[in-house]
C-alpha atoms as a PDB file:
ATOM      1  CA  UNK A   1     -23.766  -6.955  -5.516  1.00  0.00           C
ATOM      2  CA  UNK A   2     -22.047  -3.611  -6.096  1.00  0.00           C
ATOM      3  CA  UNK A   3     -21.505  -2.752  -9.757  1.00  0.00           C
ATOM      4  CA  UNK A   4     -18.824  -0.148 -10.515  1.00  0.00           C
ATOM      5  CA  UNK A   5     -18.033   1.422 -13.898  1.00  0.00           C
ATOM      6  CA  UNK A   6     -15.127   3.812 -14.400  1.00  0.00           C
ATOM      7  CA  UNK A   7     -14.917   6.493 -17.086  1.00  0.00           C
ATOM      8  CA  UNK A   8     -12.923   9.601 -17.945  1.00  0.00           C
ATOM      9  CA  UNK A   9      -9.474   8.196 -18.586  1.00  0.00           C
ATOM     10  CA  UNK A  10      -7.297   9.315 -21.468  1.00  0.00           C
ATOM     11  CA  UNK A  11      -3.975  10.759 -22.529  1.00  0.00           C
ATOM     12  CA  UNK A  12      -2.713  14.104 -21.295  1.00  0.00           C
ATOM     13  CA  UNK A  13       0.541  16.045 -21.204  1.00  0.00           C
ATOM     14  CA  UNK A  14       2.408  16.619 -17.945  1.00  0.00           C
ATOM     15  CA  UNK A  15       0.767  19.407 -15.975  1.00  0.00           C
ATOM     16  CA  UNK A  16      -2.631  18.632 -17.453  1.00  0.00           C
ATOM     17  CA  UNK A  17      -5.844  17.527 -15.779  1.00  0.00           C
ATOM     18  CA  UNK A  18      -8.327  14.667 -16.010  1.00  0.00           C
ATOM     19  CA  UNK A  19     -11.528  13.866 -14.153  1.00  0.00           C
ATOM     20  CA  UNK A  20     -12.387  10.225 -13.529  1.00  0.00           C
ATOM     21  CA  UNK A  21     -15.871   9.115 -12.618  1.00  0.00           C
ATOM     22  CA  UNK A  22     -17.059   5.899 -10.982  1.00  0.00           C
ATOM     23  CA  UNK A  23     -20.751   5.151 -11.488  1.00  0.00           C
ATOM     24  CA  UNK A  24     -22.137   3.068  -8.645  1.00  0.00           C
ATOM     25  CA  UNK A  25     -25.124   0.743  -8.968  1.00  0.00           C
ATOM     26  CA  UNK A  26     -25.833  -0.025  -5.337  1.00  0.00           C
ATOM     27  CA  UNK A  27     -28.594   1.012  -2.966  1.00  0.00           C
ATOM     28  CA  UNK A  28     -26.045   1.350  -0.145  1.00  0.00           C
ATOM     29  CA  UNK A  29     -24.083   4.058  -2.045  1.00  0.00           C
ATOM     30  CA  UNK A  30     -24.450   6.594   0.778  1.00  0.00           C
ATOM     31  CA  UNK A  31     -22.939   4.345   3.447  1.00  0.00           C
ATOM     32  CA  UNK A  32     -19.818   2.865   1.901  1.00  0.00           C
ATOM     33  CA  UNK A  33     -16.141   3.567   1.374  1.00  0.00           C
ATOM     34  CA  UNK A  34     -15.071   4.054  -2.227  1.00  0.00           C
ATOM     35  CA  UNK A  35     -11.454   4.097  -3.255  1.00  0.00           C
ATOM     36  CA  UNK A  36      -9.473   4.901  -6.351  1.00  0.00           C
ATOM     37  CA  UNK A  37      -6.475   2.655  -6.952  1.00  0.00           C
ATOM     38  CA  UNK A  38      -3.962   2.613  -9.784  1.00  0.00           C
ATOM     39  CA  UNK A  39      -1.590   0.103 -11.265  1.00  0.00           C
ATOM     40  CA  UNK A  40       1.314   0.809 -13.583  1.00  0.00           C
ATOM     41  CA  UNK A  41       2.794  -1.959 -15.751  1.00  0.00           C
ATOM     42  CA  UNK A  42       4.974  -4.252 -13.668  1.00  0.00           C
ATOM     43  CA  UNK A  43       3.987  -2.493 -10.447  1.00  0.00           C
ATOM     44  CA  UNK A  44       1.707  -3.386  -7.559  1.00  0.00           C
ATOM     45  CA  UNK A  45      -1.717  -1.839  -7.310  1.00  0.00           C
ATOM     46  CA  UNK A  46      -1.648   1.169  -4.988  1.00  0.00           C
ATOM     47  CA  UNK A  47      -4.327   3.195  -3.288  1.00  0.00           C
ATOM     48  CA  UNK A  48      -4.629   6.828  -4.370  1.00  0.00           C
ATOM     49  CA  UNK A  49      -7.684   8.325  -2.674  1.00  0.00           C
ATOM     50  CA  UNK A  50     -10.648   7.059  -0.680  1.00  0.00           C
ATOM     51  CA  UNK A  51     -13.901   8.625   0.465  1.00  0.00           C
ATOM     52  CA  UNK A  52     -16.416   7.654   3.104  1.00  0.00           C
ATOM     53  CA  UNK A  53     -19.712   8.623   1.510  1.00  0.00           C
ATOM     54  CA  UNK A  54     -22.229  10.227   3.789  1.00  0.00           C
ATOM     55  CA  UNK A  55     -19.515  11.146   6.274  1.00  0.00           C
ATOM     56  CA  UNK A  56     -17.494  12.654   3.356  1.00  0.00           C
ATOM     57  CA  UNK A  57     -14.256  11.779   5.082  1.00  0.00           C
ATOM     58  CA  UNK A  58     -11.417  11.657   2.557  1.00  0.00           C
ATOM     59  CA  UNK A  59      -8.006  10.015   2.483  1.00  0.00           C
ATOM     60  CA  UNK A  60      -5.092  10.688   0.120  1.00  0.00           C
ATOM     61  CA  UNK A  61      -1.760   9.014  -0.418  1.00  0.00           C
ATOM     62  CA  UNK A  62       1.106  11.478   0.038  1.00  0.00           C
ATOM     63  CA  UNK A  63       2.131  11.489  -3.630  1.00  0.00           C
ATOM     64  CA  UNK A  64      -1.202  13.003  -4.750  1.00  0.00           C
ATOM     65  CA  UNK A  65      -2.006  15.369  -1.864  1.00  0.00           C
ATOM     66  CA  UNK A  66      -2.704  18.859  -3.160  1.00  0.00           C
ATOM     67  CA  UNK A  67      -3.135  17.594  -6.735  1.00  0.00           C
ATOM     68  CA  UNK A  68      -6.003  15.081  -6.592  1.00  0.00           C
ATOM     69  CA  UNK A  69      -9.451  15.532  -5.109  1.00  0.00           C
ATOM     70  CA  UNK A  70     -12.034  12.802  -4.491  1.00  0.00           C
ATOM     71  CA  UNK A  71     -15.712  13.686  -4.188  1.00  0.00           C
ATOM     72  CA  UNK A  72     -19.191  12.211  -4.330  1.00  0.00           C
ATOM     73  CA  UNK A  73     -22.157  13.259  -6.453  1.00  0.00           C
ATOM     74  CA  UNK A  74     -25.281  11.988  -4.749  1.00  0.00           C
ATOM     75  CA  UNK A  75     -27.560  13.010  -7.617  1.00  0.00           C
ATOM     76  CA  UNK A  76     -25.614  10.867 -10.081  1.00  0.00           C
ATOM     77  CA  UNK A  77     -24.464   8.105  -7.690  1.00  0.00           C
ATOM     78  CA  UNK A  78     -20.863   8.690  -8.693  1.00  0.00           C
ATOM     79  CA  UNK A  79     -17.513   8.995  -6.972  1.00  0.00           C
ATOM     80  CA  UNK A  80     -15.216  11.307  -8.898  1.00  0.00           C
ATOM     81  CA  UNK A  81     -11.467  11.842  -8.896  1.00  0.00           C
ATOM     82  CA  UNK A  82     -10.252  15.230 -10.107  1.00  0.00           C
ATOM     83  CA  UNK A  83      -6.585  14.972 -11.063  1.00  0.00           C
ATOM     84  CA  UNK A  84      -4.583  18.167 -11.606  1.00  0.00           C
ATOM     85  CA  UNK A  85      -0.898  18.836 -12.255  1.00  0.00           C
ATOM     86  CA  UNK A  86      -0.520  15.340 -13.625  1.00  0.00           C
ATOM     87  CA  UNK A  87       2.938  13.780 -13.804  1.00  0.00           C
ATOM     88  CA  UNK A  88       4.283  10.904 -15.921  1.00  0.00           C
ATOM     89  CA  UNK A  89       4.427   8.775 -12.770  1.00  0.00           C
ATOM     90  CA  UNK A  90       0.632   9.086 -12.477  1.00  0.00           C
ATOM     91  CA  UNK A  91       0.321   6.882 -15.553  1.00  0.00           C
ATOM     92  CA  UNK A  92      -1.540   3.616 -15.014  1.00  0.00           C
ATOM     93  CA  UNK A  93      -4.842   1.798 -15.011  1.00  0.00           C
ATOM     94  CA  UNK A  94      -7.165   3.445 -12.499  1.00  0.00           C
ATOM     95  CA  UNK A  95      -9.713   1.316 -10.676  1.00  0.00           C
ATOM     96  CA  UNK A  96     -12.703   2.185  -8.550  1.00  0.00           C
ATOM     97  CA  UNK A  97     -13.360  -0.078  -5.565  1.00  0.00           C
ATOM     98  CA  UNK A  98     -15.952  -0.324  -2.810  1.00  0.00           C
ATOM     99  CA  UNK A  99     -16.143  -1.752   0.674  1.00  0.00           C
ATOM    100  CA  UNK A 100     -18.285  -1.521   3.773  1.00  0.00           C
ATOM    101  CA  UNK A 101     -17.855   1.483   6.036  1.00  0.00           C
ATOM    102  CA  UNK A 102     -16.885   1.182   9.697  1.00  0.00           C
ATOM    103  CA  UNK A 103     -18.998   3.851  11.380  1.00  0.00           C
ATOM    104  CA  UNK A 104     -18.012   7.075   9.614  1.00  0.00           C
ATOM    105  CA  UNK A 105     -14.490   6.036   8.674  1.00  0.00           C
ATOM    106  CA  UNK A 106     -12.731   3.740   6.235  1.00  0.00           C
ATOM    107  CA  UNK A 107     -10.473   1.164   7.865  1.00  0.00           C
ATOM    108  CA  UNK A 108      -7.352   0.492   5.743  1.00  0.00           C
ATOM    109  CA  UNK A 109      -8.303   3.053   3.040  1.00  0.00           C
ATOM    110  CA  UNK A 110      -5.363   2.115   0.775  1.00  0.00           C
ATOM    111  CA  UNK A 111      -5.331  -1.655   1.285  1.00  0.00           C
ATOM    112  CA  UNK A 112      -6.762  -3.304  -1.824  1.00  0.00           C
ATOM    113  CA  UNK A 113      -7.416  -6.508   0.152  1.00  0.00           C
ATOM    114  CA  UNK A 114      -9.989  -4.543   2.171  1.00  0.00           C
ATOM    115  CA  UNK A 115     -12.085  -3.781  -0.938  1.00  0.00           C
ATOM    116  CA  UNK A 116     -14.149  -6.730  -2.254  1.00  0.00           C
ATOM    117  CA  UNK A 117     -15.854  -4.879  -5.138  1.00  0.00           C
ATOM    118  CA  UNK A 118     -13.971  -3.594  -8.189  1.00  0.00           C
ATOM    119  CA  UNK A 119     -14.597  -1.968 -11.543  1.00  0.00           C
ATOM    120  CA  UNK A 120     -12.713  -2.907 -14.707  1.00  0.00           C
ATOM    121  CA  UNK A 121     -10.571   0.220 -14.777  1.00  0.00           C
ATOM    122  CA  UNK A 122      -9.841   3.177 -17.034  1.00  0.00           C
ATOM    123  CA  UNK A 123      -6.418   3.996 -18.499  1.00  0.00           C
ATOM    124  CA  UNK A 124      -4.614   7.233 -17.686  1.00  0.00           C
ATOM    125  CA  UNK A 125      -1.487   8.119 -19.649  1.00  0.00           C
ATOM    126  CA  UNK A 126       0.617  11.190 -18.855  1.00  0.00           C
ATOM    127  CA  UNK A 127       3.245  11.790 -21.495  1.00  0.00           C
ATOM    128  CA  UNK A 128       4.767  14.568 -23.551  1.00  0.00           C
END
Protein backbone atom coordinates (compact mmCIF):
# COMPACT_ATOMS: atom_id res chain seq x y z
CA UNK A 1 0.00 0.00 0.00
CA UNK A 2 1.34 3.42 -0.97
CA UNK A 3 1.06 6.04 1.77
CA UNK A 4 1.20 9.69 0.66
CA UNK A 5 1.34 12.77 2.90
CA UNK A 6 1.22 16.30 1.51
CA UNK A 7 2.68 19.38 3.19
CA UNK A 8 3.62 22.96 2.38
CA UNK A 9 0.27 24.53 1.63
CA UNK A 10 -0.73 27.96 2.89
CA UNK A 11 -1.92 31.42 1.99
CA UNK A 12 0.00 33.70 -0.34
CA UNK A 13 -0.58 36.88 -2.31
CA UNK A 14 -0.81 36.84 -6.11
CA UNK A 15 2.65 36.62 -7.62
CA UNK A 16 3.99 34.74 -4.62
CA UNK A 17 5.46 31.26 -4.36
CA UNK A 18 4.84 28.05 -2.44
CA UNK A 19 6.57 24.68 -2.41
CA UNK A 20 4.46 21.58 -1.81
CA UNK A 21 5.98 18.29 -0.77
CA UNK A 22 4.57 14.77 -0.98
CA UNK A 23 6.27 12.26 1.31
CA UNK A 24 6.03 8.75 -0.09
CA UNK A 25 6.12 5.60 2.04
CA UNK A 26 6.58 2.95 -0.61
CA UNK A 27 9.49 0.75 -1.60
CA UNK A 28 8.58 1.20 -5.28
CA UNK A 29 9.08 5.01 -5.09
CA UNK A 30 11.68 5.01 -7.88
CA UNK A 31 9.45 3.27 -10.43
CA UNK A 32 6.10 5.03 -10.22
CA UNK A 33 4.21 7.99 -11.61
CA UNK A 34 3.32 10.68 -9.09
CA UNK A 35 0.89 13.44 -9.87
CA UNK A 36 -0.26 16.65 -8.27
CA UNK A 37 -3.96 17.39 -8.67
CA UNK A 38 -6.04 20.28 -7.38
CA UNK A 39 -9.68 20.89 -6.68
CA UNK A 40 -11.36 24.24 -6.15
CA UNK A 41 -14.74 24.46 -4.40
CA UNK A 42 -17.52 23.39 -6.74
CA UNK A 43 -15.05 22.34 -9.42
CA UNK A 44 -13.81 18.99 -10.69
CA UNK A 45 -10.43 17.72 -9.64
CA UNK A 46 -7.83 18.52 -12.29
CA UNK A 47 -4.32 17.31 -12.94
CA UNK A 48 -1.56 19.91 -12.60
CA UNK A 49 1.78 18.13 -12.97
CA UNK A 50 3.03 14.56 -13.07
CA UNK A 51 6.46 12.97 -12.88
CA UNK A 52 7.75 9.54 -13.80
CA UNK A 53 10.32 8.86 -11.11
CA UNK A 54 13.50 7.21 -12.24
CA UNK A 55 12.87 8.29 -15.83
CA UNK A 56 12.25 11.87 -14.54
CA UNK A 57 9.81 12.51 -17.35
CA UNK A 58 7.51 15.40 -16.45
CA UNK A 59 4.09 16.53 -17.62
CA UNK A 60 2.37 19.88 -17.06
CA UNK A 61 -1.10 21.16 -17.79
CA UNK A 62 -0.98 24.25 -20.00
CA UNK A 63 -2.21 26.65 -17.30
CA UNK A 64 0.87 26.06 -15.11
CA UNK A 65 3.63 25.66 -17.72
CA UNK A 66 6.50 28.01 -16.98
CA UNK A 67 5.24 28.66 -13.44
CA UNK A 68 5.19 25.25 -11.73
CA UNK A 69 7.96 22.69 -11.52
CA UNK A 70 7.64 19.09 -10.31
CA UNK A 71 10.69 17.22 -9.06
CA UNK A 72 11.76 14.21 -7.03
CA UNK A 73 14.10 14.03 -4.04
CA UNK A 74 15.40 10.49 -3.82
CA UNK A 75 17.15 11.08 -0.50
CA UNK A 76 13.90 12.13 1.17
CA UNK A 77 11.47 9.98 -0.86
CA UNK A 78 9.46 13.06 -1.77
CA UNK A 79 7.84 14.51 -4.87
CA UNK A 80 7.82 18.29 -4.73
CA UNK A 81 5.84 20.95 -6.57
CA UNK A 82 7.44 24.39 -6.77
CA UNK A 83 4.76 26.96 -7.58
CA UNK A 84 5.81 30.45 -8.68
CA UNK A 85 3.87 33.46 -9.95
CA UNK A 86 0.77 32.17 -8.23
CA UNK A 87 -2.63 33.43 -9.35
CA UNK A 88 -6.00 33.48 -7.56
CA UNK A 89 -7.19 30.74 -9.91
CA UNK A 90 -4.50 28.44 -8.48
CA UNK A 91 -6.46 28.34 -5.23
CA UNK A 92 -7.66 24.90 -4.18
CA UNK A 93 -6.93 21.72 -2.29
CA UNK A 94 -3.81 20.10 -3.73
CA UNK A 95 -3.51 16.33 -3.69
CA UNK A 96 -0.61 14.00 -4.33
CA UNK A 97 -1.42 10.76 -6.15
CA UNK A 98 0.48 7.68 -7.28
CA UNK A 99 0.08 5.01 -9.92
CA UNK A 100 2.11 2.35 -11.66
CA UNK A 101 4.47 3.41 -14.42
CA UNK A 102 4.22 2.08 -17.97
CA UNK A 103 7.85 1.63 -18.99
CA UNK A 104 9.37 5.09 -18.58
CA UNK A 105 6.20 7.07 -19.18
CA UNK A 106 2.96 7.90 -17.41
CA UNK A 107 -0.16 6.92 -19.33
CA UNK A 108 -2.99 9.45 -18.80
CA UNK A 109 -0.89 11.74 -16.55
CA UNK A 110 -3.83 14.06 -15.75
CA UNK A 111 -6.62 11.49 -15.44
CA UNK A 112 -7.45 11.06 -11.76
CA UNK A 113 -9.14 7.71 -12.52
CA UNK A 114 -5.70 6.38 -13.48
CA UNK A 115 -4.29 7.04 -9.98
CA UNK A 116 -5.42 4.55 -7.29
CA UNK A 117 -3.40 6.02 -4.39
CA UNK A 118 -4.11 9.44 -2.88
CA UNK A 119 -3.02 11.67 -0.03
CA UNK A 120 -5.44 13.76 2.03
CA UNK A 121 -4.45 17.07 0.47
CA UNK A 122 -3.04 20.44 1.48
CA UNK A 123 -4.83 23.77 1.00
CA UNK A 124 -3.40 26.52 -1.19
CA UNK A 125 -5.03 29.95 -1.11
CA UNK A 126 -3.92 32.78 -3.39
CA UNK A 127 -5.56 36.05 -2.44
CA UNK A 128 -4.76 39.70 -1.93
